[in-house]
N, C-alpha and C. Protein backbone atom coordinates (compact mmCIF):
# COMPACT_ATOMS: atom_id res chain seq x y z
N MET A 1 0.89 -1.28 0.02
CA MET A 1 0.09 0.04 -0.01
C MET A 1 0.82 1.42 0.01
N ALA A 2 0.69 2.14 -1.00
CA ALA A 2 1.49 3.31 -1.07
C ALA A 2 0.72 4.48 -0.32
N TYR A 3 1.27 5.47 0.54
CA TYR A 3 0.61 6.44 0.98
C TYR A 3 0.73 7.71 0.05
N SER A 4 -0.03 8.46 0.20
CA SER A 4 -0.23 9.74 -0.56
C SER A 4 0.58 10.78 -0.29
N GLU A 5 0.98 11.64 -0.94
CA GLU A 5 2.24 12.74 -0.66
C GLU A 5 1.93 13.70 0.53
N LYS A 6 0.62 13.72 0.84
CA LYS A 6 0.16 14.50 2.00
C LYS A 6 0.19 13.75 3.16
N VAL A 7 -0.09 12.15 2.91
CA VAL A 7 0.23 11.54 4.22
C VAL A 7 1.52 11.57 4.47
N LEU A 8 2.57 11.34 3.81
CA LEU A 8 3.82 11.29 3.95
C LEU A 8 4.53 12.65 4.48
N ASP A 9 4.02 13.76 4.16
CA ASP A 9 4.41 14.80 4.49
C ASP A 9 3.82 15.04 5.74
N HIS A 10 2.69 14.70 6.29
CA HIS A 10 2.33 15.00 7.76
C HIS A 10 2.82 13.99 8.58
N TYR A 11 3.29 12.80 7.95
CA TYR A 11 3.84 11.93 8.86
C TYR A 11 5.39 12.03 9.20
N ASN A 12 6.15 12.56 8.11
CA ASN A 12 7.34 12.87 8.39
C ASN A 12 7.78 14.34 8.94
N HIS A 13 6.68 15.05 8.85
CA HIS A 13 6.67 16.36 9.28
C HIS A 13 5.60 16.88 10.17
N PRO A 14 5.17 15.97 11.20
CA PRO A 14 3.65 16.19 11.76
C PRO A 14 3.77 17.57 12.40
N ARG A 15 2.46 18.20 12.15
CA ARG A 15 2.44 19.45 12.92
C ARG A 15 1.75 19.56 14.28
N ASN A 16 2.16 20.48 15.08
CA ASN A 16 1.39 20.47 16.61
C ASN A 16 1.33 19.51 17.43
N VAL A 17 2.49 18.54 17.25
CA VAL A 17 2.78 17.53 18.33
C VAL A 17 2.99 18.19 19.59
N GLY A 18 2.28 17.55 20.88
CA GLY A 18 2.52 17.77 21.91
C GLY A 18 1.48 17.90 22.90
N SER A 19 1.29 18.39 23.96
CA SER A 19 0.10 18.29 24.86
C SER A 19 -0.04 19.55 25.72
N MET A 20 -1.40 19.58 26.19
CA MET A 20 -1.58 20.87 27.06
C MET A 20 -2.16 20.36 28.51
N ASP A 21 -2.03 21.37 29.42
CA ASP A 21 -2.45 21.03 30.51
C ASP A 21 -4.11 20.68 30.57
N LYS A 22 -4.26 19.48 31.00
CA LYS A 22 -5.80 19.07 30.60
C LYS A 22 -6.45 19.64 32.00
N LYS A 23 -5.87 20.14 32.86
CA LYS A 23 -6.68 20.79 34.08
C LYS A 23 -6.97 22.10 33.71
N ASP A 24 -6.47 22.80 32.81
CA ASP A 24 -6.82 24.14 32.15
C ASP A 24 -8.38 24.24 31.84
N PRO A 25 -9.34 24.91 32.18
CA PRO A 25 -10.58 25.10 31.88
C PRO A 25 -10.81 25.45 30.55
N THR A 26 -9.71 26.06 29.72
CA THR A 26 -9.83 26.41 28.37
C THR A 26 -9.36 25.29 27.46
N VAL A 27 -8.88 24.06 28.00
CA VAL A 27 -8.52 22.96 27.14
C VAL A 27 -9.47 21.86 27.31
N GLY A 28 -9.64 21.33 25.87
CA GLY A 28 -10.62 20.27 25.95
C GLY A 28 -9.64 19.07 25.44
N THR A 29 -9.90 17.83 26.16
CA THR A 29 -8.89 16.78 25.93
C THR A 29 -9.78 15.63 25.17
N GLY A 30 -9.46 14.97 24.01
CA GLY A 30 -10.11 13.93 23.51
C GLY A 30 -9.16 12.79 23.22
N MET A 31 -9.30 11.68 24.08
CA MET A 31 -8.49 10.45 23.96
C MET A 31 -9.51 9.47 23.26
N VAL A 32 -8.89 8.77 22.17
CA VAL A 32 -9.63 7.59 21.52
C VAL A 32 -8.78 6.60 21.25
N GLY A 33 -9.16 5.57 20.87
CA GLY A 33 -8.47 4.22 20.44
C GLY A 33 -9.07 3.59 19.39
N ALA A 34 -8.52 2.58 18.63
CA ALA A 34 -9.01 1.76 17.61
C ALA A 34 -8.66 0.27 18.02
N PRO A 35 -9.68 -0.30 18.46
CA PRO A 35 -9.32 -1.88 18.95
C PRO A 35 -8.81 -2.69 17.70
N GLU A 36 -9.32 -2.37 16.52
CA GLU A 36 -8.80 -3.17 15.21
C GLU A 36 -7.45 -3.06 14.85
N CYS A 37 -6.69 -2.03 15.42
CA CYS A 37 -5.23 -1.96 15.04
C CYS A 37 -4.45 -1.42 16.16
N GLY A 38 -5.08 -1.24 17.29
CA GLY A 38 -4.23 -0.64 18.42
C GLY A 38 -3.79 0.85 18.43
N ASP A 39 -4.23 1.54 17.47
CA ASP A 39 -3.86 3.04 17.33
C ASP A 39 -4.57 3.80 18.52
N VAL A 40 -3.92 4.85 19.25
CA VAL A 40 -4.52 5.41 20.30
C VAL A 40 -4.03 7.10 19.82
N MET A 41 -5.19 7.99 19.98
CA MET A 41 -4.61 9.29 19.67
C MET A 41 -5.30 10.11 20.94
N LYS A 42 -4.66 11.12 21.30
CA LYS A 42 -4.99 12.09 22.00
C LYS A 42 -5.00 13.52 21.22
N LEU A 43 -6.14 14.36 21.30
CA LEU A 43 -6.08 15.61 20.57
C LEU A 43 -6.44 16.57 21.57
N GLN A 44 -6.05 17.55 21.81
CA GLN A 44 -6.58 18.74 22.71
C GLN A 44 -6.80 19.88 21.81
N ILE A 45 -7.73 20.73 22.29
CA ILE A 45 -7.86 22.13 21.87
C ILE A 45 -8.02 23.11 22.98
N LYS A 46 -7.44 24.25 22.42
CA LYS A 46 -7.20 25.43 23.63
C LYS A 46 -8.19 26.49 22.91
N VAL A 47 -9.44 27.02 23.77
CA VAL A 47 -10.24 27.76 23.19
C VAL A 47 -10.35 29.15 23.90
N MET A 48 -10.54 30.15 23.06
CA MET A 48 -10.69 31.34 23.75
C MET A 48 -11.97 31.98 23.29
N ARG A 49 -12.68 32.99 24.21
CA ARG A 49 -13.91 33.57 23.97
C ARG A 49 -13.54 34.63 22.94
N ARG A 50 -14.32 34.74 21.79
CA ARG A 50 -14.06 35.85 20.95
C ARG A 50 -15.33 36.55 20.99
N HIS A 51 -15.25 38.03 21.20
CA HIS A 51 -16.22 38.89 21.38
C HIS A 51 -16.43 39.77 20.20
N GLN A 52 -17.54 40.17 19.84
CA GLN A 52 -17.80 41.26 18.66
C GLN A 52 -18.71 42.32 19.42
N CYS A 53 -18.17 43.63 19.44
CA CYS A 53 -18.92 44.71 20.11
C CYS A 53 -20.09 44.90 18.88
N LEU A 54 -21.27 44.91 19.24
CA LEU A 54 -22.45 45.18 18.59
C LEU A 54 -22.64 46.86 18.30
N ASP A 55 -22.00 47.53 19.11
CA ASP A 55 -21.92 48.92 19.01
C ASP A 55 -21.01 49.47 17.86
N CYS A 56 -19.57 48.87 18.14
CA CYS A 56 -18.67 49.54 17.44
C CYS A 56 -18.00 48.35 16.31
N GLN A 57 -18.42 47.31 16.59
CA GLN A 57 -18.14 46.35 15.41
C GLN A 57 -16.66 45.79 15.92
N ASN A 58 -15.77 46.06 16.94
CA ASN A 58 -14.66 45.69 17.40
C ASN A 58 -14.77 44.19 17.90
N THR A 59 -13.52 43.52 17.40
CA THR A 59 -13.53 42.07 17.66
C THR A 59 -12.19 41.96 18.70
N PHE A 60 -12.59 41.18 19.91
CA PHE A 60 -11.32 40.76 20.82
C PHE A 60 -11.59 39.58 21.56
N ASP A 61 -10.47 39.00 21.91
CA ASP A 61 -10.64 37.66 22.62
C ASP A 61 -10.43 37.99 24.26
N SER A 62 -11.14 37.32 24.89
CA SER A 62 -11.10 37.33 26.45
C SER A 62 -11.90 36.11 26.97
N ASN A 63 -11.37 35.65 28.03
CA ASN A 63 -11.96 34.56 28.83
C ASN A 63 -12.79 35.16 30.03
N LEU A 64 -12.71 36.59 30.29
CA LEU A 64 -13.56 36.99 31.36
C LEU A 64 -14.86 36.63 31.45
N GLN A 65 -15.63 36.71 32.47
CA GLN A 65 -16.75 36.26 32.32
C GLN A 65 -17.85 37.42 31.74
N GLU A 66 -17.55 38.72 32.33
CA GLU A 66 -18.28 39.89 31.62
C GLU A 66 -17.22 40.88 31.40
N PRO A 67 -16.94 40.63 29.85
CA PRO A 67 -16.06 41.60 29.23
C PRO A 67 -16.59 42.82 28.67
N THR A 68 -16.02 43.91 28.63
CA THR A 68 -16.56 45.11 28.02
C THR A 68 -15.97 45.48 26.86
N CYS A 69 -16.41 46.06 25.69
CA CYS A 69 -15.37 46.24 24.62
C CYS A 69 -14.31 47.23 25.05
N ARG A 70 -13.26 46.77 24.38
CA ARG A 70 -12.06 47.60 24.70
C ARG A 70 -11.98 48.80 23.85
N SER A 71 -12.70 49.04 22.90
CA SER A 71 -12.67 50.28 22.09
C SER A 71 -13.53 51.37 22.56
N CYS A 72 -15.03 50.83 22.93
CA CYS A 72 -16.01 51.86 23.26
C CYS A 72 -16.72 51.53 24.43
N GLY A 73 -16.21 50.57 25.07
CA GLY A 73 -16.83 50.28 26.67
C GLY A 73 -18.11 49.60 26.47
N GLY A 74 -18.60 49.26 25.41
CA GLY A 74 -19.77 48.64 25.21
C GLY A 74 -19.90 47.11 25.77
N ILE A 75 -21.19 46.92 26.18
CA ILE A 75 -21.39 45.55 26.79
C ILE A 75 -22.36 44.70 26.07
N ASN A 76 -22.63 45.47 24.76
CA ASN A 76 -23.63 44.56 23.92
C ASN A 76 -22.91 43.79 22.97
N LEU A 77 -22.40 42.52 23.12
CA LEU A 77 -21.26 41.68 22.74
C LEU A 77 -22.01 40.28 21.97
N ASN A 78 -21.34 39.87 21.02
CA ASN A 78 -21.60 38.58 20.14
C ASN A 78 -20.64 37.84 20.76
N VAL A 79 -21.01 36.50 21.35
CA VAL A 79 -19.82 35.65 21.83
C VAL A 79 -19.65 34.39 21.11
N SER A 80 -18.42 33.99 20.66
CA SER A 80 -18.13 32.63 20.22
C SER A 80 -17.02 32.17 20.75
N ASP A 81 -16.92 30.72 20.69
CA ASP A 81 -15.87 30.13 21.42
C ASP A 81 -14.93 29.79 20.03
N VAL A 82 -13.59 30.18 20.14
CA VAL A 82 -12.48 30.11 18.86
C VAL A 82 -11.47 29.04 19.43
N ILE A 83 -11.32 28.12 18.48
CA ILE A 83 -10.13 27.44 18.85
C ILE A 83 -8.76 28.18 18.56
N VAL A 84 -7.96 28.33 19.44
CA VAL A 84 -6.61 29.13 19.12
C VAL A 84 -5.45 28.20 19.09
N ASP A 85 -5.58 27.09 19.60
CA ASP A 85 -4.48 26.04 19.52
C ASP A 85 -4.97 24.68 19.53
N ALA A 86 -4.13 23.81 19.00
CA ALA A 86 -4.50 22.35 19.16
C ALA A 86 -3.34 21.60 18.98
N LYS A 87 -3.16 20.45 19.68
CA LYS A 87 -2.07 19.68 19.82
C LYS A 87 -2.56 18.28 19.69
N PHE A 88 -1.57 17.29 19.60
CA PHE A 88 -1.89 15.73 19.27
C PHE A 88 -0.71 14.96 19.90
N LYS A 89 -0.98 13.80 20.18
CA LYS A 89 -0.01 12.66 20.49
C LYS A 89 -0.84 11.43 20.03
N THR A 90 -0.20 10.90 19.00
CA THR A 90 -0.82 9.86 18.44
C THR A 90 0.21 8.72 18.40
N PHE A 91 -0.26 7.38 18.86
CA PHE A 91 0.73 6.09 18.79
C PHE A 91 -0.04 5.27 17.64
N GLY A 92 0.77 5.30 16.64
CA GLY A 92 -0.12 4.27 15.51
C GLY A 92 0.63 4.56 14.33
N CYS A 93 -0.24 4.13 13.24
CA CYS A 93 0.34 4.08 11.90
C CYS A 93 0.57 5.59 11.29
N GLY A 94 0.95 5.56 9.97
CA GLY A 94 1.37 6.82 9.24
C GLY A 94 0.07 7.71 8.97
N SER A 95 -1.04 6.81 8.78
CA SER A 95 -2.23 7.37 8.38
C SER A 95 -2.99 8.02 9.54
N ALA A 96 -2.86 7.28 10.98
CA ALA A 96 -3.22 7.86 12.15
C ALA A 96 -2.57 9.23 12.35
N ILE A 97 -1.25 9.26 12.21
CA ILE A 97 -0.47 10.43 12.62
C ILE A 97 -0.84 11.52 11.76
N ALA A 98 -0.98 11.28 10.33
CA ALA A 98 -1.47 11.94 9.42
C ALA A 98 -2.56 12.73 9.72
N SER A 99 -3.70 11.92 9.96
CA SER A 99 -4.99 12.38 10.32
C SER A 99 -4.91 13.46 11.60
N SER A 100 -4.22 12.92 12.35
CA SER A 100 -4.08 13.82 13.89
C SER A 100 -3.73 15.29 13.52
N SER A 101 -2.50 15.10 12.55
CA SER A 101 -1.68 16.50 12.27
C SER A 101 -2.63 17.15 11.54
N LEU A 102 -3.14 16.81 10.43
CA LEU A 102 -4.14 17.52 9.72
C LEU A 102 -5.28 18.07 10.47
N ALA A 103 -5.86 17.24 11.26
CA ALA A 103 -7.06 17.88 11.98
C ALA A 103 -6.38 18.91 12.90
N THR A 104 -5.36 18.96 13.68
CA THR A 104 -4.95 20.00 14.29
C THR A 104 -4.91 21.32 13.73
N GLU A 105 -4.29 21.29 12.38
CA GLU A 105 -4.08 22.35 11.40
C GLU A 105 -5.51 23.02 11.12
N TRP A 106 -6.66 22.11 10.83
CA TRP A 106 -7.56 22.48 10.55
C TRP A 106 -8.52 23.38 11.36
N LEU A 107 -8.25 22.74 12.70
CA LEU A 107 -8.99 23.13 13.93
C LEU A 107 -8.66 24.85 14.35
N ARG A 108 -7.42 24.95 14.29
CA ARG A 108 -7.01 26.44 14.58
C ARG A 108 -7.80 27.37 13.86
N GLY A 109 -8.50 28.43 14.55
CA GLY A 109 -9.18 29.48 14.09
C GLY A 109 -10.68 29.27 13.76
N LYS A 110 -11.20 27.82 13.83
CA LYS A 110 -12.53 27.50 13.87
C LYS A 110 -13.18 27.78 15.13
N THR A 111 -14.56 27.92 14.93
CA THR A 111 -15.48 28.14 16.31
C THR A 111 -15.55 26.51 16.65
N VAL A 112 -15.96 26.21 17.89
CA VAL A 112 -16.28 25.13 18.50
C VAL A 112 -17.16 24.48 17.48
N GLU A 113 -18.04 25.37 17.35
CA GLU A 113 -19.34 24.75 16.48
C GLU A 113 -18.81 24.22 14.99
N GLU A 114 -17.92 25.22 14.18
CA GLU A 114 -17.48 24.79 13.16
C GLU A 114 -16.55 23.50 13.16
N ALA A 115 -15.78 23.43 14.18
CA ALA A 115 -14.84 22.11 14.39
C ALA A 115 -15.73 20.99 14.57
N GLY A 116 -16.65 21.01 15.25
CA GLY A 116 -17.67 19.84 15.55
C GLY A 116 -18.33 19.28 14.12
N GLN A 117 -18.15 20.09 12.96
CA GLN A 117 -18.80 19.61 11.85
C GLN A 117 -17.73 18.87 10.95
N ILE A 118 -16.45 18.81 11.48
CA ILE A 118 -15.39 18.20 10.46
C ILE A 118 -15.80 16.61 10.59
N LYS A 119 -15.77 15.98 9.27
CA LYS A 119 -16.15 14.65 9.46
C LYS A 119 -14.97 13.91 8.88
N ASN A 120 -15.09 12.77 9.31
CA ASN A 120 -13.81 11.69 8.85
C ASN A 120 -13.79 11.62 7.26
N THR A 121 -14.86 11.72 6.55
CA THR A 121 -14.84 11.86 4.88
C THR A 121 -13.97 13.34 4.54
N ASP A 122 -14.05 14.16 5.26
CA ASP A 122 -13.11 15.36 4.84
C ASP A 122 -11.72 15.11 5.04
N ILE A 123 -11.25 14.46 6.12
CA ILE A 123 -10.00 14.05 6.21
C ILE A 123 -9.36 12.89 5.22
N VAL A 124 -10.20 11.86 4.87
CA VAL A 124 -10.06 10.80 3.98
C VAL A 124 -9.86 11.36 2.72
N ASN A 125 -10.59 12.46 2.24
CA ASN A 125 -10.40 13.13 0.63
C ASN A 125 -9.34 13.96 0.80
N GLU A 126 -8.86 14.73 1.79
CA GLU A 126 -7.76 15.47 1.95
C GLU A 126 -6.45 14.91 1.81
N LEU A 127 -6.30 13.64 2.45
CA LEU A 127 -5.32 12.60 2.51
C LEU A 127 -5.25 11.73 1.65
N SER A 128 -6.45 11.52 0.73
CA SER A 128 -6.25 10.42 -0.15
C SER A 128 -6.25 8.83 0.53
N LEU A 129 -7.03 8.86 1.81
CA LEU A 129 -6.64 7.39 2.50
C LEU A 129 -7.09 6.35 1.73
N PRO A 130 -6.76 5.34 1.74
CA PRO A 130 -7.25 4.16 1.13
C PRO A 130 -8.20 3.43 1.98
N PRO A 131 -9.41 2.71 1.59
CA PRO A 131 -10.19 2.10 2.46
C PRO A 131 -9.76 1.56 3.72
N VAL A 132 -8.87 0.71 3.78
CA VAL A 132 -8.46 -0.03 4.74
C VAL A 132 -7.66 1.14 5.89
N LYS A 133 -7.47 2.39 5.52
CA LYS A 133 -7.02 3.13 6.49
C LYS A 133 -8.10 4.20 6.99
N ILE A 134 -9.28 4.07 6.49
CA ILE A 134 -10.50 4.95 6.77
C ILE A 134 -10.62 5.16 8.37
N HIS A 135 -10.51 3.95 9.02
CA HIS A 135 -10.66 4.11 10.39
C HIS A 135 -9.72 5.01 11.36
N CYS A 136 -8.60 5.50 10.54
CA CYS A 136 -7.68 6.43 11.35
C CYS A 136 -8.30 7.83 11.21
N SER A 137 -9.22 8.04 10.13
CA SER A 137 -9.93 9.37 9.88
C SER A 137 -10.89 9.37 10.97
N VAL A 138 -11.63 8.07 11.24
CA VAL A 138 -12.73 8.06 12.15
C VAL A 138 -12.15 8.39 13.44
N LEU A 139 -10.99 7.98 13.81
CA LEU A 139 -10.23 8.25 15.28
C LEU A 139 -10.22 9.77 15.34
N ALA A 140 -9.78 10.37 14.45
CA ALA A 140 -9.65 11.99 14.20
C ALA A 140 -10.75 12.63 14.48
N GLU A 141 -11.82 12.16 13.73
CA GLU A 141 -13.20 12.81 14.11
C GLU A 141 -13.46 12.51 15.51
N ASP A 142 -13.67 11.48 15.94
CA ASP A 142 -13.93 11.11 17.29
C ASP A 142 -13.05 11.85 18.40
N ALA A 143 -11.98 12.16 18.25
CA ALA A 143 -11.10 12.77 19.23
C ALA A 143 -11.32 14.44 19.15
N ILE A 144 -11.77 14.83 17.74
CA ILE A 144 -12.28 16.19 17.82
C ILE A 144 -13.38 16.39 18.80
N LYS A 145 -14.54 15.43 18.52
CA LYS A 145 -15.96 15.46 19.39
C LYS A 145 -15.47 15.33 20.76
N ALA A 146 -14.63 14.54 21.10
CA ALA A 146 -14.40 14.17 22.60
C ALA A 146 -13.66 15.55 23.17
N ALA A 147 -12.75 16.00 22.55
CA ALA A 147 -12.27 17.23 22.93
C ALA A 147 -13.34 18.34 23.14
N ILE A 148 -14.16 18.44 22.09
CA ILE A 148 -15.04 19.53 22.18
C ILE A 148 -16.17 19.31 23.44
N THR A 149 -16.28 18.04 23.79
CA THR A 149 -17.33 17.49 24.67
C THR A 149 -16.50 17.90 26.19
N ASP A 150 -15.25 17.48 26.11
CA ASP A 150 -14.60 17.86 27.49
C ASP A 150 -14.50 19.12 27.67
N TYR A 151 -14.24 20.19 26.72
CA TYR A 151 -14.13 21.63 27.17
C TYR A 151 -15.68 22.14 27.42
N LYS A 152 -16.69 21.61 26.71
CA LYS A 152 -17.93 22.16 27.07
C LYS A 152 -18.13 21.67 28.84
N LYS A 153 -17.94 20.68 29.11
CA LYS A 153 -18.12 20.28 30.41
C LYS A 153 -17.55 21.10 31.51
N LYS A 154 -16.18 21.60 31.18
CA LYS A 154 -15.47 22.39 31.91
C LYS A 154 -15.90 23.55 32.01
N ARG A 155 -16.87 24.15 31.37
CA ARG A 155 -17.32 25.80 31.04
C ARG A 155 -18.38 25.89 32.09
């Protein structure tokens, strides 16, 4: 079985390898495994609350409970949770490592809601994974969802 160039790139030069403090209330951790092959994936997200002032349209990040606009002092704010960092540690095959690496790249800058829409088929298509390696992309999707769930539990 030959890996695609994208799989080889992410396997040989994985992005965002590492871990964050899982006790941090702004960090969500997803830990999943695949019994059929023994792959284990830990994926973490760090989330910041992004506020947009409805009075002056200024946008700023803050995890304060009741922030005010830094430009006009307004309190009429739109709030969304934005993923500002993502890390992974994966023990598994090249496809599992590549799926994790790609997922962390995709997560940065997305809202938590947008991140929850990432599907394993998106990863399969981007990496050109063969059918026998699709379970690696499922692991990545499951890890994303588990990290989001963990983050939401802490809020």
